[in-house]
Amino acid sequence: MSTTSQTDYQSQLDEKVERLSALLSPFKAPALEVFPSAPMHYRMRAEFRVWHEGDDLYHIMFNQETKEKYRVDTFPPACETINKAMAELLALIKPNDVLRKKLFQIDYLSALSEELVISLLYHRQLDDEWEEQARKLKAQLETTFTKVNIIGRARKQKRIIDNDFVIEKLPVNGKEFIFKHIENSFTQPNANVNCKMIEWALNCVKPLSGDLLEMYCGAGNFSLPLAMHFDNVIGTEIAKPSVQAAQFNIEQNALDNVKIVRLAAEEFTQAMKGERTFSRLEGISLEDYNFTTVLVDPPRAGLDTESLKMIQDYDNIVYISCNPETLADNLNLLCETHSIANAALFDQFPFTHHVEAGVLLTRKR
């Protein structure tokens, strides 16, 4: 990377630090811990439309402001595995009439393990001839790549060649954690910064004890590593594929103190208050847990008022946010009872406006 590019990256990172610091300053937050990204080849996911031009076939993207399309032969934000696959895949599809017919989009999902899921989206129904050619394509790609899974998608159709997931291996504080990342399910897109996020959360909870509740736990990205520091962990997640992946991940990482329940944050709040009972909590007696700490990683809208009031009952709150504005809004209520003990910025998306933040809140004494 050129010196100019390094300067440009540091400049945009400095702007993010200034912006997040300003948002947190009313709450007397300490100085931010800052976790930069590699400026290139950091994304584990990428999606492209496909443009047909005579015998040629290539990836395109659209300018968000002008809506003009532009050709994409390489995509520097994507990991090197995806960039390599982009070139090899199209070289194999171009001369294949079955695979290229009415193909309009290609999605890539990769991992630090270098496994790949390639999703081919079509404006036509897929038949056995397509599957035969897709299997040959998979075999050809696996002469270069560690493992390749192919998915064909069409209206009301999903044909899977092998798997619809990759197995990720995340290095966290010298220990490797195994995660199933499913196509079309949420995963942290910047794997290396995600490792830093987990390590930061681990550092926050190191002196803590008791049990951990995680809301919006996904496939257990935080729940599983943090289980090393708590007696028990319960994670809540509403998306069924993520819950299934989390169960797989618990087994793969040989953890016996983690349970995942398929409940929305609002539903779990009702269960904790004793307002409702849920069959999905069968066999789990919430009153037997000593929840001292809660970790939340909500969607961009942040937490609803009832959930905010519920997590105020915990001595320690680890809040991971993909939207600092809603984080700041939620802190207006949380900081009535808690103080910010630690704050961090994670640069998941270099050269964009997007900021990922983390705060550790502890109860005021």
Protein backbone atom coordinates (compact mmCIF):
# COMPACT_ATOMS: atom_id res chain seq x y z
CA MET A 1 0.00 0.00 0.00
CA SER A 2 1.34 3.43 -0.89
CA THR A 3 2.24 6.09 1.68
CA THR A 4 -0.58 8.23 0.27
CA SER A 5 -3.08 5.43 0.88
CA GLN A 6 -1.82 4.97 4.44
CA THR A 7 -2.24 8.71 5.03
CA ASP A 8 -5.75 8.65 3.54
CA TYR A 9 -6.71 5.71 5.75
CA GLN A 10 -5.36 7.33 8.92
CA SER A 11 -7.18 10.55 8.04
CA GLN A 12 -10.57 8.84 7.72
CA LEU A 13 -9.93 6.84 10.89
CA ASP A 14 -9.07 10.04 12.79
CA GLU A 15 -12.38 11.56 11.64
CA LYS A 16 -14.29 8.54 12.96
CA VAL A 17 -12.48 8.72 16.31
CA GLU A 18 -13.37 12.41 16.58
CA ARG A 19 -17.02 11.76 15.69
CA LEU A 20 -17.49 8.86 18.13
CA SER A 21 -15.63 10.70 20.91
CA ALA A 22 -17.99 13.66 20.48
CA LEU A 23 -21.06 11.40 20.70
CA LEU A 24 -19.79 9.78 23.91
CA SER A 25 -18.43 12.93 25.58
CA PRO A 26 -21.75 13.88 27.29
CA PHE A 27 -21.53 10.56 29.15
CA LYS A 28 -17.96 11.18 30.45
CA ALA A 29 -16.56 8.24 28.50
CA PRO A 30 -12.83 7.53 28.85
CA ALA A 31 -10.53 7.89 25.85
CA LEU A 32 -11.38 5.46 23.08
CA GLU A 33 -9.43 2.30 22.44
CA VAL A 34 -9.08 2.27 18.66
CA PHE A 35 -8.87 -0.91 16.58
CA PRO A 36 -7.98 -0.15 12.95
CA SER A 37 -8.58 -2.42 9.98
CA ALA A 38 -6.34 -3.46 7.18
CA PRO A 39 -7.21 -0.84 4.53
CA MET A 40 -7.62 -3.54 1.86
CA HIS A 41 -8.76 -7.17 1.63
CA TYR A 42 -10.76 -7.12 4.85
CA ARG A 43 -14.28 -8.13 3.76
CA MET A 44 -15.40 -11.76 3.95
CA ARG A 45 -18.57 -11.06 1.93
CA ALA A 46 -19.24 -9.40 -1.42
CA GLU A 47 -22.20 -9.20 -3.82
CA PHE A 48 -22.14 -8.24 -7.50
CA ARG A 49 -24.61 -7.98 -10.32
CA VAL A 50 -23.61 -9.71 -13.54
CA TRP A 51 -23.52 -7.96 -16.91
CA HIS A 52 -23.80 -9.87 -20.21
CA GLU A 53 -22.22 -8.19 -23.22
CA GLY A 54 -21.98 -10.46 -26.27
CA ASP A 55 -19.68 -13.33 -25.34
CA ASP A 56 -18.31 -11.38 -22.40
CA LEU A 57 -19.56 -11.64 -18.83
CA TYR A 58 -18.38 -9.55 -15.89
CA HIS A 59 -19.20 -8.31 -12.39
CA ILE A 60 -20.71 -4.87 -12.04
CA MET A 61 -21.63 -2.51 -9.21
CA PHE A 62 -23.65 0.69 -9.19
CA ASN A 63 -22.58 4.15 -8.13
CA GLN A 64 -24.89 4.95 -5.20
CA GLU A 65 -25.17 8.61 -6.17
CA THR A 66 -25.48 8.47 -9.97
CA LYS A 67 -26.86 4.89 -10.22
CA GLU A 68 -24.45 4.36 -13.13
CA LYS A 69 -23.04 0.85 -13.46
CA TYR A 70 -19.31 0.17 -13.58
CA ARG A 71 -17.29 -2.94 -14.29
CA VAL A 72 -15.56 -4.66 -11.37
CA ASP A 73 -12.73 -7.07 -12.22
CA THR A 74 -11.08 -6.78 -8.81
CA PHE A 75 -12.57 -5.56 -5.54
CA PRO A 76 -9.88 -4.35 -3.10
CA PRO A 77 -12.15 -4.31 0.00
CA ALA A 78 -12.84 -8.06 -0.40
CA CYS A 79 -10.44 -10.67 0.95
CA GLU A 80 -7.86 -12.12 -1.39
CA THR A 81 -9.76 -15.43 -1.59
CA ILE A 82 -12.82 -13.65 -3.03
CA ASN A 83 -10.72 -11.60 -5.46
CA LYS A 84 -9.06 -14.74 -6.76
CA ALA A 85 -12.41 -16.52 -7.04
CA MET A 86 -13.96 -13.62 -8.99
CA ALA A 87 -11.53 -14.07 -11.87
CA GLU A 88 -11.46 -17.87 -11.91
CA LEU A 89 -15.23 -18.28 -11.61
CA LEU A 90 -16.10 -16.07 -14.58
CA ALA A 91 -13.42 -17.70 -16.73
CA LEU A 92 -15.17 -21.03 -16.12
CA ILE A 93 -18.75 -19.75 -16.50
CA LYS A 94 -18.26 -17.67 -19.69
CA PRO A 95 -17.99 -20.63 -22.11
CA ASN A 96 -20.68 -22.65 -20.27
CA ASP A 97 -24.12 -21.92 -21.75
CA VAL A 98 -25.94 -23.74 -18.94
CA LEU A 99 -24.30 -21.87 -16.08
CA ARG A 100 -24.35 -18.42 -17.66
CA LYS A 101 -27.92 -18.46 -19.03
CA LYS A 102 -29.92 -15.70 -17.26
CA LEU A 103 -27.35 -15.43 -14.46
CA PHE A 104 -27.85 -11.95 -12.95
CA GLN A 105 -26.01 -11.90 -9.61
CA ILE A 106 -23.11 -13.58 -7.80
CA ASP A 107 -22.63 -13.49 -4.01
CA TYR A 108 -19.43 -14.57 -2.29
CA LEU A 109 -18.96 -15.63 1.33
CA SER A 110 -15.49 -16.55 2.54
CA ALA A 111 -13.57 -16.97 5.78
CA LEU A 112 -10.08 -16.82 7.26
CA SER A 113 -10.13 -20.60 6.72
CA GLU A 114 -10.32 -19.75 2.97
CA GLU A 115 -13.50 -21.77 2.46
CA LEU A 116 -16.02 -20.31 0.01
CA VAL A 117 -19.74 -20.25 -0.64
CA ILE A 118 -20.58 -18.93 -4.10
CA SER A 119 -24.25 -18.16 -4.75
CA LEU A 120 -25.39 -17.91 -8.38
CA LEU A 121 -28.72 -16.10 -8.82
CA TYR A 122 -30.86 -16.67 -11.93
CA HIS A 123 -33.91 -15.33 -13.73
CA ARG A 124 -34.91 -18.89 -14.68
CA GLN A 125 -35.67 -22.20 -13.02
CA LEU A 126 -32.74 -24.52 -12.39
CA ASP A 127 -32.82 -28.16 -13.52
CA ASP A 128 -30.70 -31.29 -13.20
CA GLU A 129 -28.51 -30.20 -16.12
CA TRP A 130 -27.65 -27.02 -14.20
CA GLU A 131 -26.78 -29.08 -11.11
CA GLU A 132 -24.53 -31.39 -13.15
CA GLN A 133 -22.63 -28.40 -14.54
CA ALA A 134 -22.49 -26.74 -11.11
CA ARG A 135 -20.89 -29.87 -9.64
CA LYS A 136 -18.25 -29.80 -12.37
CA LEU A 137 -17.68 -26.12 -11.62
CA LYS A 138 -17.17 -26.90 -7.94
CA ALA A 139 -14.62 -29.62 -8.79
CA GLN A 140 -12.73 -27.26 -11.10
CA LEU A 141 -12.60 -24.50 -8.47
CA GLU A 142 -11.41 -26.92 -5.79
CA THR A 143 -8.21 -27.51 -7.73
CA THR A 144 -7.33 -23.96 -6.53
CA PHE A 145 -9.35 -23.32 -3.37
CA THR A 146 -9.52 -25.13 -0.01
CA LYS A 147 -13.25 -25.87 -0.20
CA VAL A 148 -15.97 -24.46 -2.44
CA ASN A 149 -19.73 -24.71 -1.99
CA ILE A 150 -22.08 -23.69 -4.81
CA ILE A 151 -25.65 -22.47 -4.35
CA GLY A 152 -28.07 -21.91 -7.21
CA ARG A 153 -30.97 -19.56 -6.49
CA ALA A 154 -34.03 -18.83 -8.59
CA ARG A 155 -37.62 -17.89 -7.78
CA LYS A 156 -38.75 -20.27 -4.99
CA GLN A 157 -35.69 -22.41 -5.66
CA LYS A 158 -32.43 -23.10 -3.82
CA ARG A 159 -30.11 -25.84 -5.03
CA ILE A 160 -27.12 -26.52 -2.76
CA ILE A 161 -23.99 -28.21 -4.06
CA ASP A 162 -22.41 -29.53 -0.84
CA ASN A 163 -23.12 -26.90 1.86
CA ASP A 164 -24.67 -23.46 2.26
CA PHE A 165 -22.08 -22.42 4.84
CA VAL A 166 -18.37 -22.01 5.51
CA ILE A 167 -16.55 -23.18 8.61
CA GLU A 168 -14.63 -20.24 10.04
CA LYS A 169 -11.69 -20.54 12.42
CA LEU A 170 -11.16 -17.35 14.41
CA PRO A 171 -7.91 -16.83 16.36
CA VAL A 172 -8.76 -15.12 19.67
CA ASN A 173 -6.04 -14.55 22.26
CA GLY A 174 -4.08 -17.53 20.97
CA LYS A 175 -7.08 -19.89 20.97
CA GLU A 176 -8.98 -20.97 17.86
CA PHE A 177 -12.77 -20.86 17.83
CA ILE A 178 -14.83 -22.67 15.21
CA PHE A 179 -17.94 -21.03 13.75
CA LYS A 180 -20.43 -22.05 11.08
CA HIS A 181 -21.25 -19.01 8.92
CA ILE A 182 -24.40 -19.58 6.87
CA GLU A 183 -25.10 -17.93 3.53
CA ASN A 184 -27.63 -15.09 3.84
CA SER A 185 -27.31 -15.02 7.66
CA PHE A 186 -25.64 -12.23 9.60
CA THR A 187 -21.93 -12.57 10.32
CA GLN A 188 -19.34 -9.90 11.10
CA PRO A 189 -17.93 -9.03 7.64
CA ASN A 190 -14.43 -7.99 8.75
CA ALA A 191 -13.01 -11.15 10.34
CA ASN A 192 -9.77 -9.69 11.67
CA VAL A 193 -11.48 -6.70 13.30
CA ASN A 194 -14.12 -9.09 14.64
CA CYS A 195 -11.34 -10.97 16.45
CA LYS A 196 -10.26 -7.65 18.00
CA MET A 197 -13.86 -6.97 19.07
CA ILE A 198 -14.03 -10.35 20.82
CA GLU A 199 -10.66 -9.80 22.49
CA TRP A 200 -11.79 -6.35 23.68
CA ALA A 201 -14.98 -7.85 25.15
CA LEU A 202 -12.93 -10.60 26.82
CA ASN A 203 -10.68 -7.98 28.38
CA CYS A 204 -13.74 -6.09 29.66
CA VAL A 205 -15.21 -9.14 31.40
CA LYS A 206 -11.93 -10.59 32.69
CA PRO A 207 -12.45 -9.40 36.30
CA LEU A 208 -16.16 -10.30 36.32
CA SER A 209 -17.86 -13.47 37.58
CA GLY A 210 -21.33 -15.03 37.73
CA ASP A 211 -23.47 -15.69 34.65
CA LEU A 212 -23.74 -13.85 31.32
CA LEU A 213 -26.84 -13.05 29.29
CA GLU A 214 -26.30 -12.13 25.63
CA MET A 215 -29.15 -10.65 23.62
CA TYR A 216 -29.01 -10.74 19.79
CA CYS A 217 -26.32 -13.43 20.03
CA GLY A 218 -26.44 -14.54 16.38
CA ALA A 219 -24.41 -17.72 15.95
CA GLY A 220 -22.58 -17.16 19.24
CA ASN A 221 -19.83 -14.83 18.02
CA PHE A 222 -19.38 -13.35 21.52
CA SER A 223 -21.20 -15.94 23.65
CA LEU A 224 -18.80 -18.77 22.98
CA PRO A 225 -15.45 -17.04 23.65
CA LEU A 226 -16.88 -15.20 26.69
CA ALA A 227 -18.08 -18.50 28.15
CA MET A 228 -14.48 -19.03 29.29
CA HIS A 229 -14.95 -16.26 31.90
CA PHE A 230 -18.47 -16.98 33.21
CA ASP A 231 -20.10 -19.87 35.05
CA ASN A 232 -22.98 -20.01 32.57
CA VAL A 233 -24.05 -18.17 29.42
CA ILE A 234 -27.51 -17.83 27.91
CA GLY A 235 -27.80 -16.29 24.46
CA THR A 236 -31.03 -15.16 22.82
CA GLU A 237 -31.56 -14.95 19.07
CA ILE A 238 -34.70 -14.86 16.92
CA ALA A 239 -33.31 -16.05 13.53
CA LYS A 240 -33.69 -19.83 13.28
CA PRO A 241 -30.62 -20.44 11.03
CA SER A 242 -28.42 -18.49 13.47
CA VAL A 243 -29.77 -20.49 16.43
CA GLN A 244 -29.04 -23.75 14.58
CA ALA A 245 -25.54 -22.55 13.72
CA ALA A 246 -24.98 -21.55 17.36
CA GLN A 247 -25.90 -25.05 18.53
CA PHE A 248 -23.40 -26.50 16.05
CA ASN A 249 -20.74 -24.03 17.23
CA ILE A 250 -21.29 -24.95 20.89
CA GLU A 251 -20.65 -28.60 20.06
CA GLN A 252 -17.63 -27.88 17.86
CA ASN A 253 -16.01 -25.77 20.58
CA ALA A 254 -16.80 -28.38 23.28
CA LEU A 255 -18.62 -25.94 25.57
CA ASP A 256 -20.98 -27.24 28.24
CA ASN A 257 -21.98 -23.96 29.92
CA VAL A 258 -23.73 -22.20 27.00
CA LYS A 259 -27.41 -22.37 26.05
CA ILE A 260 -29.02 -20.58 23.09
CA VAL A 261 -32.77 -19.87 23.07
CA ARG A 262 -34.81 -18.68 20.10
CA LEU A 263 -36.48 -15.61 21.56
CA ALA A 264 -36.63 -11.96 20.58
CA ALA A 265 -35.13 -9.47 23.03
CA GLU A 266 -38.64 -8.25 23.91
CA GLU A 267 -39.82 -11.83 24.57
CA PHE A 268 -36.87 -12.60 26.83
CA THR A 269 -37.58 -9.40 28.75
CA GLN A 270 -41.16 -10.63 29.31
CA ALA A 271 -39.87 -14.05 30.43
CA MET A 272 -37.41 -12.47 32.90
CA LYS A 273 -40.24 -10.41 34.39
CA GLY A 274 -42.45 -13.49 34.66
CA GLU A 275 -45.05 -11.89 32.39
CA ARG A 276 -45.05 -14.76 29.87
CA THR A 277 -43.87 -18.34 29.62
CA PHE A 278 -42.33 -19.78 26.47
CA SER A 279 -42.09 -23.44 25.45
CA ARG A 280 -38.70 -22.56 23.91
CA LEU A 281 -37.43 -21.99 27.47
CA GLU A 282 -38.51 -25.47 28.57
CA GLY A 283 -35.81 -27.01 30.76
CA ILE A 284 -34.25 -23.61 31.53
CA SER A 285 -35.08 -22.11 34.93
CA LEU A 286 -34.10 -18.45 34.68
CA GLU A 287 -34.33 -17.92 38.44
CA ASP A 288 -31.47 -20.40 38.91
CA TYR A 289 -29.05 -18.11 37.08
CA ASN A 290 -26.88 -15.43 38.68
CA PHE A 291 -26.85 -12.96 35.80
CA THR A 292 -24.31 -10.27 36.69
CA THR A 293 -23.49 -9.19 33.13
CA VAL A 294 -25.42 -8.65 29.92
CA LEU A 295 -23.97 -8.25 26.43
CA VAL A 296 -26.08 -6.68 23.70
CA ASP A 297 -25.29 -6.34 20.01
CA PRO A 298 -28.56 -4.93 18.64
CA PRO A 299 -29.50 -3.95 15.08
CA ARG A 300 -29.04 -0.36 13.87
CA ALA A 301 -32.24 0.79 15.58
CA GLY A 302 -30.72 0.04 18.99
CA LEU A 303 -32.66 -1.28 21.99
CA ASP A 304 -36.32 -0.61 22.76
CA THR A 305 -37.20 1.13 26.05
CA GLU A 306 -38.38 -2.04 27.82
CA SER A 307 -35.16 -3.90 26.97
CA LEU A 308 -33.09 -0.91 28.10
CA LYS A 309 -34.89 -0.89 31.45
CA MET A 310 -34.40 -4.64 31.76
CA ILE A 311 -30.62 -4.54 31.20
CA GLN A 312 -30.32 -1.75 33.77
CA ASP A 313 -30.93 -4.50 36.35
CA TYR A 314 -27.45 -5.92 35.59
CA ASP A 315 -24.30 -4.67 37.27
CA ASN A 316 -22.32 -4.80 34.03
CA ILE A 317 -23.41 -4.08 30.45
CA VAL A 318 -21.27 -4.71 27.38
CA TYR A 319 -22.92 -2.86 24.48
CA ILE A 320 -21.66 -3.47 20.92
CA SER A 321 -23.17 -1.01 18.46
CA CYS A 322 -23.22 -0.73 14.67
CA ASN A 323 -24.87 2.71 14.94
CA PRO A 324 -23.24 5.20 17.33
CA GLU A 325 -26.19 7.59 17.05
CA THR A 326 -28.65 5.04 18.50
CA LEU A 327 -25.99 3.98 21.03
CA ALA A 328 -25.79 7.58 22.25
CA ASP A 329 -29.58 7.74 22.42
CA ASN A 330 -29.71 4.51 24.47
CA LEU A 331 -26.98 5.84 26.78
CA ASN A 332 -29.26 8.68 27.86
CA LEU A 333 -31.24 6.10 29.83
CA LEU A 334 -28.47 3.63 30.66
CA CYS A 335 -26.21 6.31 32.14
CA GLU A 336 -28.86 7.18 34.71
CA THR A 337 -27.81 3.99 36.50
CA HIS A 338 -24.43 3.11 34.96
CA SER A 339 -21.12 4.74 34.04
CA ILE A 340 -18.94 4.06 31.00
CA ALA A 341 -15.82 2.25 32.21
CA ASN A 342 -14.39 1.45 28.78
CA ALA A 343 -15.10 2.57 25.22
CA ALA A 344 -13.76 1.37 21.88
CA LEU A 345 -13.97 2.03 18.14
CA PHE A 346 -13.71 -0.86 15.70
CA ASP A 347 -13.13 0.16 12.09
CA GLN A 348 -15.06 -2.63 10.38
CA PHE A 349 -15.49 -0.68 7.13
CA PRO A 350 -12.49 1.46 6.08
CA PHE A 351 -13.17 4.41 3.75
CA THR A 352 -16.87 4.49 4.68
CA HIS A 353 -18.90 6.55 7.15
CA HIS A 354 -19.73 3.40 9.13
CA VAL A 355 -18.50 3.12 12.72
CA GLU A 356 -18.70 0.11 15.06
CA ALA A 357 -18.45 0.94 18.76
CA GLY A 358 -18.24 -0.86 22.09
CA VAL A 359 -18.83 0.36 25.63
CA LEU A 360 -18.57 -1.34 29.01
CA LEU A 361 -20.99 0.13 31.53
CA THR A 362 -20.78 -0.57 35.27
CA ARG A 363 -23.37 0.24 37.92
CA LYS A 364 -22.93 3.51 39.75
CA ARG A 365 -22.14 3.02 43.44
